[in-house]
Amino acid sequence: MTTTATNGRPQRKQLADQLDRLDGIIDCLADALPEAVRDAVQEGTREALRQLLAEALASPETVALIRRAVTPDGAAPAAPAPAGRAAAFLARCRSRLAGAARAAGRVLTVVRARVAAAAAGAKARAAGVVRRARAVAAVARIGWEVKKAAAVAAGVGVAVAGVALVSHPVATVLSGVGAAGMAFAVQLGLWARGVARRLTG
């Protein structure tokens, strides 16, 4: 909010308030980024599984495996004719069940391999997204800290120059530049020490 100054004009927001507000926005983005990446990875994995199942059911190879499962295996040697209809029916059932089990095993192997490949790809893509997001956040934070240090240094230099401006113009400029450089160096040193603590902590 703005406050009313003595001359009746609204006072502008302080630079420190704007810096704190932008720092809070950066912290909120850094906190919300891992959740967004996790949700995107889960949704991508579910979609990949649905596509793999649809492709497996629509594949001619899968259809051929199912057809071979429900038909007797012609490569198997012919069994001797059982005595009676019940024995023949049981023999046919056993043969078809064995073929179905073999076909189901082959289909399961294919689907399992495709699911494993899709999961590995999704994991690799998620890791890449997380690495890029962390790099972007680190670069943004470094740029913001340098900009903040430069702003503080400029403010200190302007203040020192304004105090000494009345009597010594040349000395004022030199002292302002020197004070700005020193303030920038101090701010940069504090920021570097904070970064070192976060990296080693």
Protein backbone atom coordinates (compact mmCIF):
# COMPACT_ATOMS: atom_id res chain seq x y z
CA MET A 1 0.00 0.00 0.00
CA THR A 2 1.09 3.62 -0.53
CA THR A 3 1.25 6.28 2.19
CA THR A 4 0.65 10.03 1.88
CA ALA A 5 3.78 12.22 2.16
CA THR A 6 3.97 15.71 3.60
CA ASN A 7 3.52 17.39 0.21
CA GLY A 8 0.26 15.52 -0.45
CA ARG A 9 1.67 13.17 -3.15
CA PRO A 10 1.49 9.40 -2.72
CA GLN A 11 4.82 7.87 -1.74
CA ARG A 12 6.27 5.26 -4.12
CA LYS A 13 6.86 1.72 -2.99
CA GLN A 14 10.28 1.14 -1.52
CA LEU A 15 12.85 -0.83 -3.53
CA ALA A 16 13.30 -3.27 -0.66
CA ASP A 17 9.57 -4.10 -0.69
CA GLN A 18 9.65 -4.83 -4.40
CA LEU A 19 12.75 -6.98 -3.99
CA ASP A 20 11.14 -8.97 -1.18
CA ARG A 21 8.00 -9.47 -3.27
CA LEU A 22 9.96 -10.79 -6.25
CA ASP A 23 12.01 -13.05 -3.98
CA GLY A 24 8.78 -14.51 -2.59
CA ILE A 25 7.49 -15.17 -6.10
CA ILE A 26 10.72 -17.04 -6.97
CA ASP A 27 10.40 -19.16 -3.80
CA CYS A 28 6.78 -20.06 -4.64
CA LEU A 29 7.79 -21.14 -8.15
CA ALA A 30 10.64 -23.26 -6.77
CA ASP A 31 8.25 -24.99 -4.33
CA ALA A 32 5.54 -25.70 -6.92
CA LEU A 33 7.89 -26.98 -9.65
CA PRO A 34 8.53 -30.54 -8.28
CA GLU A 35 4.78 -31.20 -7.83
CA ALA A 36 4.03 -30.11 -11.39
CA VAL A 37 6.80 -32.35 -12.76
CA ARG A 38 5.54 -35.34 -10.72
CA ASP A 39 1.97 -34.90 -11.98
CA ALA A 40 3.17 -34.60 -15.57
CA VAL A 41 5.24 -37.80 -15.26
CA GLN A 42 2.32 -39.76 -13.79
CA GLU A 43 -0.05 -38.61 -16.51
CA GLY A 44 2.50 -39.39 -19.22
CA THR A 45 3.09 -42.90 -17.82
CA ARG A 46 -0.65 -43.67 -17.74
CA GLU A 47 -1.08 -42.43 -21.29
CA ALA A 48 1.90 -44.51 -22.47
CA LEU A 49 0.46 -47.65 -20.85
CA ARG A 50 -2.92 -47.08 -22.50
CA GLN A 51 -1.28 -46.63 -25.89
CA LEU A 52 0.84 -49.76 -25.44
CA LEU A 53 -2.18 -51.89 -24.55
CA ALA A 54 -4.15 -50.50 -27.48
CA GLU A 55 -1.26 -51.19 -29.87
CA ALA A 56 -0.79 -54.70 -28.47
CA LEU A 57 -4.48 -55.57 -28.94
CA ALA A 58 -4.52 -54.07 -32.45
CA SER A 59 -1.26 -55.71 -33.54
CA PRO A 60 -1.52 -58.56 -36.11
CA GLU A 61 1.13 -60.46 -34.16
CA THR A 62 -1.02 -60.42 -31.04
CA VAL A 63 -4.08 -61.51 -33.03
CA ALA A 64 -2.06 -64.36 -34.53
CA LEU A 65 -0.91 -65.45 -31.08
CA ILE A 66 -4.49 -65.51 -29.83
CA ARG A 67 -5.64 -67.49 -32.87
CA ARG A 68 -2.90 -70.05 -32.33
CA ALA A 69 -3.94 -70.26 -28.69
CA VAL A 70 -7.56 -71.19 -29.47
CA THR A 71 -6.66 -73.67 -32.25
CA PRO A 72 -4.94 -77.03 -31.71
CA ASP A 73 -1.20 -77.02 -32.18
CA GLY A 74 -0.57 -78.71 -35.52
CA ALA A 75 3.11 -79.22 -34.82
CA ALA A 76 2.42 -81.45 -31.84
CA PRO A 77 2.41 -85.18 -32.54
CA ALA A 78 -1.00 -86.71 -32.82
CA ALA A 79 -2.01 -88.50 -29.65
CA PRO A 80 -3.51 -91.96 -29.86
CA ALA A 81 -7.26 -91.96 -30.14
CA PRO A 82 -8.75 -92.17 -26.65
CA ALA A 83 -11.40 -94.69 -25.90
CA GLY A 84 -14.68 -92.77 -25.61
CA ARG A 85 -16.04 -89.30 -26.26
CA ALA A 86 -15.29 -88.01 -22.77
CA ALA A 87 -11.61 -88.87 -23.06
CA ALA A 88 -11.43 -87.21 -26.50
CA PHE A 89 -13.11 -84.07 -25.17
CA LEU A 90 -10.69 -83.89 -22.23
CA ALA A 91 -7.72 -84.34 -24.53
CA ARG A 92 -8.88 -81.50 -26.76
CA CYS A 93 -9.43 -79.25 -23.74
CA ARG A 94 -5.95 -79.98 -22.40
CA SER A 95 -4.38 -79.27 -25.79
CA ARG A 96 -6.20 -75.97 -26.21
CA LEU A 97 -5.44 -74.88 -22.65
CA ALA A 98 -1.77 -75.62 -23.16
CA GLY A 99 -1.74 -73.60 -26.40
CA ALA A 100 -3.57 -70.73 -24.72
CA ALA A 101 -1.08 -70.72 -21.86
CA ARG A 102 1.86 -70.58 -24.26
CA ALA A 103 0.28 -67.77 -26.30
CA ALA A 104 -0.58 -65.82 -23.15
CA GLY A 105 3.00 -66.16 -21.97
CA ARG A 106 4.32 -64.80 -25.27
CA VAL A 107 1.85 -61.87 -25.23
CA LEU A 108 2.73 -61.09 -21.63
CA THR A 109 6.43 -61.08 -22.47
CA VAL A 110 5.91 -58.63 -25.35
CA VAL A 111 3.68 -56.32 -23.28
CA ARG A 112 6.07 -56.42 -20.33
CA ALA A 113 9.02 -55.47 -22.52
CA ARG A 114 7.12 -52.55 -24.05
CA VAL A 115 5.93 -51.32 -20.65
CA ALA A 116 9.49 -51.48 -19.28
CA ALA A 117 10.79 -49.50 -22.27
CA ALA A 118 8.04 -46.88 -21.89
CA ALA A 119 8.69 -46.54 -18.14
CA ALA A 120 12.43 -46.11 -18.73
CA GLY A 121 11.78 -43.44 -21.37
CA ALA A 122 9.35 -41.57 -19.12
CA LYS A 123 11.82 -41.68 -16.23
CA ALA A 124 14.63 -40.35 -18.43
CA ARG A 125 12.42 -37.54 -19.76
CA ALA A 126 11.31 -36.61 -16.23
CA ALA A 127 14.93 -36.52 -15.04
CA GLY A 128 15.83 -34.23 -17.94
CA VAL A 129 12.92 -31.90 -17.16
CA VAL A 130 13.93 -31.72 -13.49
CA ARG A 131 17.56 -30.97 -14.40
CA ARG A 132 16.58 -28.22 -16.83
CA ALA A 133 14.12 -26.72 -14.33
CA ARG A 134 16.74 -26.67 -11.58
CA ALA A 135 19.28 -25.06 -13.91
CA VAL A 136 16.78 -22.36 -14.94
CA ALA A 137 15.87 -21.67 -11.31
CA ALA A 138 19.54 -21.44 -10.32
CA VAL A 139 20.32 -19.03 -13.17
CA ALA A 140 17.28 -16.89 -12.32
CA ARG A 141 18.24 -16.74 -8.66
CA ILE A 142 21.86 -15.82 -9.46
CA GLY A 143 20.73 -13.05 -11.83
CA TRP A 144 18.30 -11.76 -9.25
CA GLU A 145 20.94 -11.69 -6.51
CA VAL A 146 23.40 -9.82 -8.75
CA LYS A 147 20.69 -7.34 -9.74
CA LYS A 148 19.75 -6.86 -6.11
CA ALA A 149 23.38 -6.22 -5.14
CA ALA A 150 23.76 -3.72 -8.00
CA ALA A 151 20.59 -1.90 -6.94
CA VAL A 152 21.77 -1.64 -3.34
CA ALA A 153 25.19 -0.43 -4.49
CA ALA A 154 23.63 2.19 -6.75
CA GLY A 155 21.40 3.39 -3.93
CA VAL A 156 24.34 3.75 -1.56
CA GLY A 157 26.38 5.60 -4.20
CA VAL A 158 23.55 8.01 -4.97
CA ALA A 159 23.01 8.68 -1.28
CA VAL A 160 26.69 9.43 -0.65
CA ALA A 161 26.85 11.66 -3.74
CA GLY A 162 23.73 13.53 -2.66
CA VAL A 163 25.13 14.24 0.78
CA ALA A 164 28.40 15.69 -0.54
CA LEU A 165 26.99 17.38 -3.66
CA VAL A 166 26.72 20.89 -2.18
CA SER A 167 30.42 21.82 -1.86
CA HIS A 168 32.64 19.37 -3.77
CA PRO A 169 31.32 18.28 -7.20
CA VAL A 170 34.36 16.29 -8.31
CA ALA A 171 34.92 14.71 -4.93
CA THR A 172 31.22 13.93 -4.82
CA VAL A 173 31.34 11.93 -8.03
CA LEU A 174 34.46 10.05 -6.98
CA SER A 175 33.14 9.27 -3.52
CA GLY A 176 29.81 8.14 -4.97
CA VAL A 177 31.51 5.77 -7.41
CA GLY A 178 33.78 4.41 -4.71
CA ALA A 179 30.92 3.90 -2.27
CA ALA A 180 28.85 2.17 -4.95
CA GLY A 181 31.72 -0.17 -5.80
CA MET A 182 32.33 -1.02 -2.16
CA ALA A 183 28.64 -1.62 -1.46
CA PHE A 184 28.38 -3.83 -4.55
CA ALA A 185 31.43 -5.82 -3.42
CA VAL A 186 29.97 -6.27 0.08
CA GLN A 187 26.60 -7.39 -1.26
CA LEU A 188 28.23 -9.77 -3.73
CA GLY A 189 30.40 -11.23 -0.99
CA LEU A 190 27.39 -11.80 1.27
CA TRP A 191 25.49 -13.45 -1.56
CA ALA A 192 28.47 -15.69 -2.46
CA ARG A 193 28.83 -16.76 1.16
CA GLY A 194 25.11 -17.62 1.32
CA VAL A 195 25.34 -19.67 -1.89
CA ALA A 196 28.39 -21.53 -0.54
CA ARG A 197 26.52 -22.36 2.66
CA ARG A 198 23.51 -23.66 0.73
CA LEU A 199 25.69 -25.81 -1.51
CA THR A 200 27.73 -27.29 1.35
CA GLY A 201 24.81 -27.56 3.77
